[in-house]
Amino acid sequence: IAEHNFDRVILVESRTDVINIETIQFVLKYRLAIPNEVWDNKNQQGRAAEIFQRLSQRRFALLLDDLRGPINLAEAGVPVQNGSKIVYTTIMEDACNAMGDQMKFKVDCLLPDDAWNLFRLMVKDDVLNFHHDILELAETVADLCGGLPLHH
């Protein structure tokens, strides 16, 4: 991403079940430093216009992690034709098709040993070794993830 000289890199993560227009606008408000006095008296369309005006002047990378379905980014105010990049992850191929993606990459699940090594890297050994029950529980969680590098 650094080699593309983006003015902004914006990550929207799914912290709940759904990334929607409201979620995207909320994250963009903070990443673009839109003041409350400009934001609070606008409806969704007004907020979209404010976001569009600010993003149209920049090259950005918008990363949407764990989309659960298609979303109309123009309704959120995201300009889609200004040389910026929009990258999203999803397990739902229909979302890719509905959003008119230009390039699609299938990422396979990790092998069990690789999944466990990634899990250990993220959790850290001092946490895993803190109590003997934690290691057993961590192994169960890693198995339940089925090779997907899930986080939450």
Protein backbone atom coordinates (compact mmCIF):
# COMPACT_ATOMS: atom_id res chain seq x y z
CA ILE A 1 0.00 0.00 0.00
CA ALA A 2 2.85 2.40 0.82
CA GLU A 3 4.17 2.35 -2.74
CA HIS A 4 0.89 3.81 -4.03
CA ASN A 5 1.30 7.05 -2.06
CA PHE A 6 -2.15 7.15 -0.53
CA ASP A 7 -3.08 10.22 1.48
CA ARG A 8 -5.14 8.06 3.82
CA VAL A 9 -5.45 4.37 4.63
CA ILE A 10 -8.76 3.68 6.34
CA LEU A 11 -9.68 0.38 7.97
CA VAL A 12 -13.29 -0.50 8.74
CA GLU A 13 -13.51 -3.71 10.76
CA SER A 14 -16.60 -5.73 11.50
CA ARG A 15 -16.91 -5.47 15.28
CA THR A 16 -20.52 -6.58 15.12
CA ASP A 17 -22.37 -8.74 12.63
CA VAL A 18 -22.58 -6.16 9.85
CA ILE A 19 -20.59 -3.40 8.22
CA ASN A 20 -23.21 -0.99 6.96
CA ILE A 21 -23.34 2.55 5.62
CA GLU A 22 -23.67 4.00 9.11
CA THR A 23 -20.57 2.11 10.31
CA ILE A 24 -18.51 3.23 7.32
CA GLN A 25 -19.60 6.84 7.75
CA PHE A 26 -18.78 6.73 11.47
CA VAL A 27 -15.23 5.50 10.84
CA LEU A 28 -14.70 7.96 7.99
CA LYS A 29 -15.87 10.85 10.18
CA TYR A 30 -13.04 10.18 12.62
CA ARG A 31 -10.37 9.29 10.07
CA LEU A 32 -11.14 12.47 8.10
CA ALA A 33 -11.36 14.59 11.28
CA ILE A 34 -14.81 15.93 10.46
CA PRO A 35 -15.85 18.15 13.39
CA ASN A 36 -18.98 17.30 15.37
CA GLU A 37 -20.53 20.68 14.56
CA VAL A 38 -20.33 19.84 10.85
CA TRP A 39 -21.46 16.24 11.32
CA ASP A 40 -24.19 16.26 13.95
CA ASN A 41 -26.81 18.30 12.09
CA LYS A 42 -26.63 16.22 8.89
CA ASN A 43 -28.64 13.19 7.84
CA GLN A 44 -27.09 10.19 6.08
CA GLN A 45 -27.16 11.92 2.67
CA GLY A 46 -25.61 15.09 4.07
CA ARG A 47 -22.90 13.07 5.74
CA ALA A 48 -22.28 11.21 2.49
CA ALA A 49 -21.88 14.55 0.67
CA GLU A 50 -19.39 15.75 3.31
CA ILE A 51 -17.37 12.53 3.06
CA PHE A 52 -17.47 12.59 -0.74
CA GLN A 53 -16.23 16.19 -0.83
CA ARG A 54 -13.30 15.37 1.45
CA LEU A 55 -12.33 12.03 -0.12
CA SER A 56 -12.63 13.30 -3.70
CA GLN A 57 -9.61 15.51 -3.08
CA ARG A 58 -7.36 12.62 -1.95
CA ARG A 59 -6.04 9.23 -2.92
CA PHE A 60 -7.07 6.74 -0.30
CA ALA A 61 -7.15 3.04 0.41
CA LEU A 62 -10.35 1.86 2.08
CA LEU A 63 -10.07 -1.58 3.69
CA LEU A 64 -13.36 -3.25 4.68
CA ASP A 65 -12.72 -6.33 6.78
CA ASP A 66 -15.35 -9.08 6.93
CA LEU A 67 -18.20 -7.81 4.76
CA ARG A 68 -21.29 -9.95 5.23
CA GLY A 69 -23.05 -8.76 2.10
CA PRO A 70 -22.93 -6.18 -0.67
CA ILE A 71 -22.91 -2.50 0.25
CA ASN A 72 -23.38 0.61 -1.88
CA LEU A 73 -20.29 2.63 -1.05
CA ALA A 74 -21.56 5.65 -3.01
CA GLU A 75 -24.42 5.91 -0.49
CA ALA A 76 -21.81 6.23 2.26
CA GLY A 77 -20.07 9.02 0.32
CA VAL A 78 -17.11 7.00 -0.92
CA PRO A 79 -15.99 8.08 -4.41
CA VAL A 80 -15.25 4.92 -6.36
CA GLN A 81 -13.71 6.34 -9.54
CA ASN A 82 -10.90 8.64 -8.39
CA GLY A 83 -7.86 6.35 -8.55
CA SER A 84 -8.16 5.21 -4.97
CA LYS A 85 -8.36 1.58 -3.90
CA ILE A 86 -11.11 -0.28 -2.11
CA VAL A 87 -10.23 -3.67 -0.69
CA TYR A 88 -12.60 -5.90 1.20
CA THR A 89 -12.59 -9.32 2.73
CA THR A 90 -15.62 -11.55 2.80
CA ILE A 91 -16.52 -15.20 2.95
CA MET A 92 -19.59 -14.49 0.82
CA GLU A 93 -18.83 -14.72 -2.89
CA ASP A 94 -22.21 -13.16 -3.70
CA ALA A 95 -21.00 -9.95 -2.04
CA CYS A 96 -18.03 -9.84 -4.43
CA ASN A 97 -20.24 -10.37 -7.45
CA ALA A 98 -22.85 -7.81 -6.36
CA MET A 99 -20.25 -5.12 -5.70
CA GLY A 100 -18.71 -5.46 -9.15
CA ASP A 101 -15.22 -6.26 -7.96
CA GLN A 102 -12.42 -5.83 -10.48
CA MET A 103 -10.12 -8.45 -9.01
CA LYS A 104 -10.99 -11.37 -6.80
CA PHE A 105 -8.54 -13.45 -4.77
CA LYS A 106 -9.57 -16.63 -3.03
CA VAL A 107 -7.70 -17.21 0.21
CA ASP A 108 -7.77 -20.74 1.52
CA CYS A 109 -7.93 -21.65 5.19
CA LEU A 110 -4.66 -22.20 6.98
CA LEU A 111 -3.42 -25.69 7.70
CA PRO A 112 -3.96 -26.65 11.36
CA ASP A 113 -0.30 -26.18 12.35
CA ASP A 114 -0.12 -22.82 10.58
CA ALA A 115 -3.39 -21.71 12.19
CA TRP A 116 -2.08 -22.66 15.63
CA ASN A 117 1.23 -20.86 15.02
CA LEU A 118 -0.61 -17.70 13.96
CA PHE A 119 -2.89 -17.97 16.99
CA ARG A 120 0.15 -18.29 19.28
CA LEU A 121 1.83 -15.35 17.59
CA MET A 122 -1.22 -13.15 18.16
CA VAL A 123 -1.97 -14.26 21.72
CA LYS A 124 1.66 -14.50 22.90
CA ASP A 125 3.18 -17.34 24.90
CA ASP A 126 3.14 -15.51 28.24
CA VAL A 127 -0.67 -15.39 28.08
CA LEU A 128 -0.98 -19.00 26.92
CA ASN A 129 1.32 -20.22 29.70
CA PHE A 130 -0.22 -18.09 32.46
CA HIS A 131 -2.50 -20.92 33.58
CA HIS A 132 -2.74 -24.52 32.36
CA ASP A 133 -6.46 -24.12 31.50
CA ILE A 134 -5.71 -21.25 29.12
CA LEU A 135 -3.61 -23.38 26.77
CA GLU A 136 -6.32 -26.04 26.51
CA LEU A 137 -9.00 -23.40 25.91
CA ALA A 138 -6.81 -21.67 23.31
CA GLU A 139 -6.37 -24.94 21.40
CA THR A 140 -10.15 -25.41 21.40
CA VAL A 141 -10.68 -21.87 20.10
CA ALA A 142 -8.08 -22.35 17.36
CA ASP A 143 -9.79 -25.60 16.30
CA LEU A 144 -13.20 -23.90 16.22
CA CYS A 145 -11.82 -21.23 13.88
CA GLY A 146 -11.25 -23.99 11.32
CA GLY A 147 -8.10 -22.48 9.86
CA LEU A 148 -9.55 -19.00 9.47
CA PRO A 149 -7.42 -16.26 11.03
CA LEU A 150 -10.38 -14.78 12.91
CA HIS A 151 -10.03 -11.94 15.38
CA HIS A 152 -12.47 -10.21 17.74
